[in-house]
Every structure is written in structure tokens, then in C-alpha cells.
Protein backbone atom coordinates (compact mmCIF):
# COMPACT_ATOMS: atom_id res chain seq x y z
CA MET A 1 -15.28 17.54 -8.24
CA ASN A 2 -17.56 17.35 -5.49
CA TYR A 3 -15.68 14.81 -3.24
CA ASP A 4 -17.75 12.41 -1.28
CA THR A 5 -14.71 10.10 0.07
CA ILE A 6 -12.00 12.45 0.60
CA LEU A 7 -11.55 15.90 2.16
CA VAL A 8 -9.23 18.41 0.69
CA ASN A 9 -7.95 21.72 1.91
CA LEU A 10 -5.29 24.04 0.32
CA ASP A 11 -3.36 26.33 2.51
CA ASN A 12 -0.19 27.98 2.05
CA HIS A 13 0.44 25.67 -0.82
CA VAL A 14 0.08 22.85 1.30
CA ALA A 15 -3.06 20.51 -0.12
CA THR A 16 -4.16 18.57 2.85
CA VAL A 17 -5.95 15.33 1.76
CA THR A 18 -7.95 13.35 4.39
CA ILE A 19 -9.41 9.89 3.31
CA ASN A 20 -12.73 10.23 4.76
CA ARG A 21 -14.62 6.88 5.25
CA PRO A 22 -14.18 5.92 8.83
CA GLU A 23 -17.21 3.78 9.19
CA ALA A 24 -15.61 1.59 6.37
CA MET A 25 -12.07 1.49 7.94
CA ASN A 26 -11.00 4.23 5.41
CA SER A 27 -11.21 1.18 2.82
CA PHE A 28 -11.51 2.70 -0.98
CA ASN A 29 -14.39 2.05 -3.27
CA LYS A 30 -15.21 2.74 -6.88
CA ARG A 31 -15.81 6.61 -5.98
CA MET A 32 -12.62 6.97 -4.11
CA LEU A 33 -10.85 5.69 -7.17
CA GLU A 34 -12.25 8.15 -9.38
CA GLU A 35 -11.73 11.04 -6.87
CA PHE A 36 -8.03 10.48 -6.18
CA GLY A 37 -7.62 10.10 -9.83
CA TYR A 38 -8.92 13.80 -10.55
CA LEU A 39 -6.99 14.98 -7.20
CA TRP A 40 -3.79 14.15 -8.46
CA ARG A 41 -4.15 15.38 -11.84
CA TRP A 42 -5.69 18.60 -10.06
CA ALA A 43 -2.40 18.92 -7.81
CA ALA A 44 -0.14 18.50 -10.69
CA GLU A 45 -1.85 21.25 -12.77
CA THR A 46 -2.10 23.57 -9.68
CA ASP A 47 0.86 25.71 -9.38
CA ASP A 48 -0.37 26.78 -5.79
CA VAL A 49 0.09 23.50 -4.66
CA HIS A 50 3.67 22.74 -3.64
CA VAL A 51 3.43 19.69 -1.31
CA LEU A 52 0.47 17.69 -0.27
CA VAL A 53 -0.21 15.75 3.28
CA LEU A 54 -2.16 12.53 2.94
CA ARG A 55 -3.65 11.30 6.28
CA ALA A 56 -6.88 9.61 7.19
CA ALA A 57 -10.10 10.30 9.36
CA PRO A 58 -9.56 9.23 13.07
CA GLY A 59 -10.28 5.67 13.77
CA ARG A 60 -8.98 2.18 13.78
CA ALA A 61 -7.41 2.49 10.45
CA PHE A 62 -5.40 4.62 7.94
CA SER A 63 -6.81 2.31 5.33
CA THR A 64 -7.83 -1.59 5.38
CA GLY A 65 -7.30 -1.60 1.59
CA ALA A 66 -10.11 -2.34 -1.06
CA ASP A 67 -13.83 -2.22 0.60
CA VAL A 68 -14.74 -5.99 -0.06
CA LYS A 69 -18.46 -5.01 0.95
CA ALA A 70 -18.50 -2.37 -1.69
CA THR A 71 -17.31 -4.36 -4.19
CA GLU A 72 -19.64 -7.16 -3.97
CA GLU A 73 -22.56 -4.84 -4.76
CA PRO A 74 -24.00 -3.95 -8.16
CA ASP A 75 -21.76 -1.80 -10.17
CA GLY A 76 -19.48 -1.81 -7.17
CA SER A 77 -16.80 -3.95 -8.75
CA LEU A 78 -13.09 -2.12 -9.24
CA PHE A 79 -12.83 -4.27 -12.53
CA HIS A 80 -14.65 -4.16 -15.93
CA GLY A 81 -15.14 -7.68 -15.89
CA ASN A 82 -12.62 -8.64 -18.96
CA VAL A 83 -9.03 -9.80 -17.72
CA TRP A 84 -7.56 -8.81 -20.82
CA THR A 85 -8.63 -5.16 -20.47
CA ASP A 86 -8.95 -4.56 -16.87
CA PRO A 87 -6.42 -2.18 -15.65
CA ASP A 88 -4.98 -2.19 -12.21
CA PRO A 89 -7.80 -0.59 -10.01
CA GLY A 90 -5.14 0.91 -7.48
CA GLU A 91 -3.58 2.53 -9.99
CA LYS A 92 -5.29 6.10 -9.58
CA LEU A 93 -4.60 5.96 -5.82
CA GLY A 94 -0.95 6.54 -6.55
CA PRO A 95 0.61 10.06 -7.33
CA LYS A 96 3.23 8.85 -9.42
CA ALA A 97 1.16 6.41 -11.36
CA MET A 98 -0.87 9.74 -11.95
CA LYS A 99 2.19 11.70 -12.84
CA CYS A 100 2.03 13.76 -10.08
CA TRP A 101 5.49 15.05 -9.02
CA LYS A 102 4.47 17.06 -6.26
CA PRO A 103 5.81 15.55 -2.93
CA VAL A 104 3.27 13.73 -0.66
CA VAL A 105 4.05 13.58 2.94
CA ALA A 106 2.05 10.67 4.34
CA ALA A 107 0.82 10.40 8.03
CA VAL A 108 -0.18 6.96 8.94
CA HIS A 109 -2.28 5.93 11.99
CA GLY A 110 -3.69 2.67 12.92
CA MET A 111 -3.99 -0.19 10.61
CA CYS A 112 -2.40 0.25 7.48
CA ALA A 113 -3.21 -2.83 5.42
CA GLY A 114 -3.22 -4.54 1.71
CA GLY A 115 -4.30 -2.01 -0.97
CA ALA A 116 -3.24 0.71 1.42
CA PHE A 117 0.33 0.05 0.20
CA TYR A 118 -0.90 1.71 -3.35
CA TRP A 119 -0.70 5.11 -1.20
CA ILE A 120 2.22 4.60 1.00
CA GLY A 121 4.39 2.91 -2.02
CA GLU A 122 4.38 5.97 -3.84
CA CYS A 123 4.37 8.81 -0.99
CA ASP A 124 7.59 10.49 -0.69
CA ILE A 125 7.96 11.11 3.09
CA ILE A 126 5.80 8.39 5.43
CA ILE A 127 5.53 9.03 9.26
CA CYS A 128 3.58 7.12 11.59
CA SER A 129 1.75 7.13 14.91
CA ASP A 130 3.11 4.90 17.62
CA ASP A 131 -0.17 2.82 17.26
CA ALA A 132 0.26 2.34 13.58
CA THR A 133 0.46 -1.23 12.02
CA PHE A 134 1.28 -2.78 8.81
CA PHE A 135 0.19 -5.92 6.97
CA ASP A 136 -1.05 -7.30 4.12
CA PRO A 137 -3.85 -10.10 4.36
CA HIS A 138 -4.17 -11.25 1.08
CA VAL A 139 -3.19 -14.75 1.01
CA THR A 140 -4.93 -15.30 4.48
CA TYR A 141 -8.17 -14.86 2.51
CA GLY A 142 -6.89 -17.08 -0.38
CA MET A 143 -5.83 -14.35 -2.75
CA THR A 144 -2.50 -13.75 -4.46
CA ALA A 145 -0.57 -10.79 -3.09
CA ALA A 146 1.32 -9.38 -6.03
CA LEU A 147 1.07 -5.46 -6.50
CA GLU A 148 0.99 -4.35 -2.74
CA PRO A 149 4.01 -6.32 -1.90
CA ILE A 150 5.87 -5.17 -5.37
CA HIS A 151 5.34 -1.35 -4.17
CA ALA A 152 6.64 -2.26 -0.36
CA THR A 153 9.67 -3.73 -2.20
CA TYR A 154 11.07 -0.27 -3.04
CA ARG A 155 10.90 0.57 0.79
CA MET A 156 11.65 -2.51 2.68
CA PRO A 157 14.09 -5.26 2.64
CA LEU A 158 13.09 -8.26 0.13
CA GLY A 159 13.11 -10.62 3.30
CA ASP A 160 10.51 -8.65 5.28
CA VAL A 161 8.40 -8.04 2.31
CA LEU A 162 8.10 -11.89 2.13
CA ARG A 163 7.58 -12.26 5.62
CA MET A 164 4.58 -9.83 5.54
CA THR A 165 3.26 -11.18 2.62
CA LEU A 166 3.20 -14.96 3.34
CA LEU A 167 2.06 -14.72 7.09
CA GLY A 168 -0.79 -12.41 6.32
CA ASN A 169 -2.90 -11.61 9.02
CA ASP A 170 -0.69 -13.87 11.29
CA GLU A 171 1.91 -10.95 11.91
CA ARG A 172 1.70 -7.15 11.93
CA ILE A 173 4.73 -4.89 11.49
CA SER A 174 4.63 -2.40 14.42
CA ALA A 175 5.36 1.26 14.20
CA GLN A 176 9.23 0.48 15.65
CA THR A 177 9.87 -2.16 13.23
CA ALA A 178 8.50 -0.22 10.23
CA LEU A 179 10.92 2.67 11.33
CA ARG A 180 13.91 -0.09 11.72
CA LEU A 181 12.77 -1.47 8.07
CA GLY A 182 12.71 1.89 6.32
CA LEU A 183 9.10 1.86 6.18
CA VAL A 184 8.52 5.09 7.63
CA THR A 185 11.01 7.63 8.68
CA GLU A 186 9.75 8.78 11.87
CA VAL A 187 7.39 7.58 14.66
CA VAL A 188 5.34 10.18 16.61
CA PRO A 189 2.60 10.01 19.41
CA LEU A 190 -0.89 9.63 17.80
CA ASP A 191 -1.86 13.25 19.22
CA GLY A 192 0.99 14.71 17.31
CA LEU A 193 1.01 12.96 14.12
CA TRP A 194 -0.94 15.23 12.06
CA ASP A 195 0.74 18.39 13.10
CA ARG A 196 3.90 17.14 12.49
CA ALA A 197 2.74 16.25 9.15
CA GLN A 198 1.57 19.73 8.50
CA GLU A 199 5.20 20.84 9.82
CA ILE A 200 7.38 18.98 7.52
CA ALA A 201 5.04 19.72 4.47
CA ALA A 202 5.12 23.59 5.30
CA LYS A 203 9.19 23.48 5.31
CA ILE A 204 8.84 21.78 1.96
CA ALA A 205 6.35 23.98 0.16
CA ALA A 206 8.45 27.20 1.43
CA LYS A 207 11.20 25.66 -0.85
CA PRO A 208 11.33 26.72 -4.74
CA PRO A 209 8.53 24.37 -6.25
CA ALA A 210 10.40 23.99 -9.37
CA ALA A 211 13.39 22.61 -7.80
CA ILE A 212 11.11 20.43 -5.56
CA GLN A 213 9.44 18.88 -8.55
CA GLY A 214 12.25 18.29 -10.41
CA SER A 215 14.21 16.48 -7.49
CA THR A 216 11.09 14.56 -7.14
CA ARG A 217 10.59 13.37 -10.68
CA ALA A 218 14.29 12.72 -11.17
CA ILE A 219 14.54 10.52 -8.23
CA TRP A 220 11.35 8.14 -8.88
CA GLU A 221 12.04 7.96 -12.63
CA SER A 222 15.58 6.58 -11.73
CA LEU A 223 13.76 3.61 -10.09
CA ASP A 224 12.74 2.41 -13.42
CA ILE A 225 16.04 2.53 -15.36
CA PRO A 226 19.44 1.42 -15.29
CA ARG A 227 22.03 3.48 -13.06
CA THR A 228 23.89 4.85 -15.88
CA ILE A 229 20.85 5.94 -17.82
CA ALA A 230 19.46 7.42 -14.46
CA LEU A 231 22.36 9.32 -14.20
CA ALA A 232 22.30 10.90 -17.56
CA THR A 233 18.55 11.84 -17.40
CA GLY A 234 18.99 13.37 -14.13
CA LEU A 235 21.97 15.52 -15.49
CA LYS A 236 19.53 16.64 -18.28
CA TYR A 237 17.13 17.44 -15.47
CA CYS A 238 19.76 19.74 -13.73
CA GLN A 239 20.66 21.40 -16.98
CA VAL A 240 16.78 22.09 -17.93
CA GLY A 241 16.64 23.68 -14.21
CA ASN A 242 13.78 26.24 -13.73
CA PRO A 243 11.18 25.58 -16.16
CA VAL A 244 10.41 29.28 -16.67
CA GLY A 245 14.11 30.30 -16.97
CA ILE A 246 14.86 32.58 -13.91
CA PRO A 247 16.28 31.57 -10.68
CA GLN A 248 13.91 30.84 -7.77
CA VAL A 249 16.34 31.83 -5.54
CA ASP A 250 19.47 34.08 -4.91
CA ARG A 251 21.68 31.71 -3.82
CA TRP A 252 24.52 34.06 -3.17
CA THR A 253 22.34 36.18 -0.81
CA LEU A 254 21.39 33.11 1.06
CA MET A 255 25.12 31.77 1.33
CA GLY A 256 26.74 34.94 1.88
CA LYS A 257 24.42 37.89 2.20
CA GLY A 258 25.12 39.29 -1.34
CA LYS A 259 28.65 38.27 -1.49
CA THR A 260 29.87 36.68 -4.62
CA PRO A 261 30.54 32.92 -4.60
CA TYR A 262 34.42 33.37 -4.35
CA GLU A 263 33.58 35.87 -1.25
CA VAL A 264 31.50 33.27 0.23
CA ARG A 265 34.43 30.83 -0.12
């Protein structure tokens, strides 16, 4: 695909994806939905991709969600027009919804609002710059906030999700508060954000990709099923192990420079 709204670069098994609509606060339009839908499937099916970094072009916002101006233009609507057949337009934005089990490291700067939670709700590691703010403006504009807050409930305490949702534009979660709530795992200076995200991704990419994908899939799928079933399913993933049937790491060499498991002990 020839991308118009995102930039994609693959280097040393790390695919760096940059949301690239700074003139529109990196908001998403219909074209971006199509491009992300393609991107996640490409990443899932390309063995050279071990991990992805998701970031946004420099400016005031990581993303402010859907581009309202674009959706009001002819053929710009994110919906087909039939309430009974319209899919969730943001589904293509999320890697897990698109069955991509390659880990995604998100690097968030500036405003992260509304529909941007489609992305961060399905990323595996989220870091942010010290200028980042998180909020959901839906109710301020008379719209029901449902999908984005539901994504947020898997990362934030329920009370804080409700507070963010019901206060709309009147309150924003700071980077340090996001860290305290567990929405992000690290806060760094803005000028070091991209480098830190690449550093984390490189460490993941250096590990055996089958183990990384299997672990990612097992953990995410467990969120949709009861605990006992999740454990039983996870055990099967461990038993399947490496899909190509051979070890990707000589663990005994790693542990004891060639010693047997018993000699290591």
C-alpha cells in the first residue's frame, strides 16, 4: 500500500509507524482507517517484523481522535449509514482487533484524546512525554462516550475512567497522573521520547519472535475469558511452543555456558 496518512519504516525487525497528519492534530480520517487496517495485517504476516513502535508526527497532539471536519465532507463519513450494519469504525486502528500479535510500543506526546484510545487501548507498552495529557471530550459535545472508555477500563481504575469520561473537556489527565494510574509505564522528556521507545522495542525485537508473539496473544486473549479457561488455554500455548518445532534459544548455554540444567543448579 502507498501510505498517505502514516509513515512506515522497518529496520532491525522494528517497524516504526508514525501517524502523519500534524496539520489536523494527527486525527484519523477514512483513509487512515484503511491504511491501519492494511498495516496491522502486513505486520502480522511479515516475519521480519518482530515489534512495532507507534508514534505521531511532532506537534501539539499525539492524536485528537476522529477528524470531525473530514467526516462532514462528502464521502468522508466513517460509517456506511445503516445503523444495523455499520461496524465500529475504529476497529481497524487497533492491532489486537486486527489479529496482530506483534508487540506494539506506543510513544505518546501532547494531547491524546477521544478516539486515540483505540490505539493506546491495544498497545502493549505505553510511554509518554512529560507534556502528554489524556482526556475524552465526547460528552462535552453531546456525544455518548462508550467505546473509548471501555478500552480505558483495561488500563485504568473504573473510578478514574468515569471521572475522565464524565468531565469531558473540563479535566485532563497529566503524564504523572497517567503513570500513577497505570495508563502509561514511563514518563520521559519530550526530546527523548522517540529514542526511548526505539530502545525498548529493540530489546523486545532481539528476543525469539515466536515466544514474544505467543506470550502477547495468550495474555490479551485471557482478558476475554474466565480465569480457569484462560489458564487452560495458556497452557496449550506453552505446549505448542515454537511453531516451527525447534528451539529458538539454547537456554542452557544462556544460563550456564553449555552446562546441563542440573549443573546450572
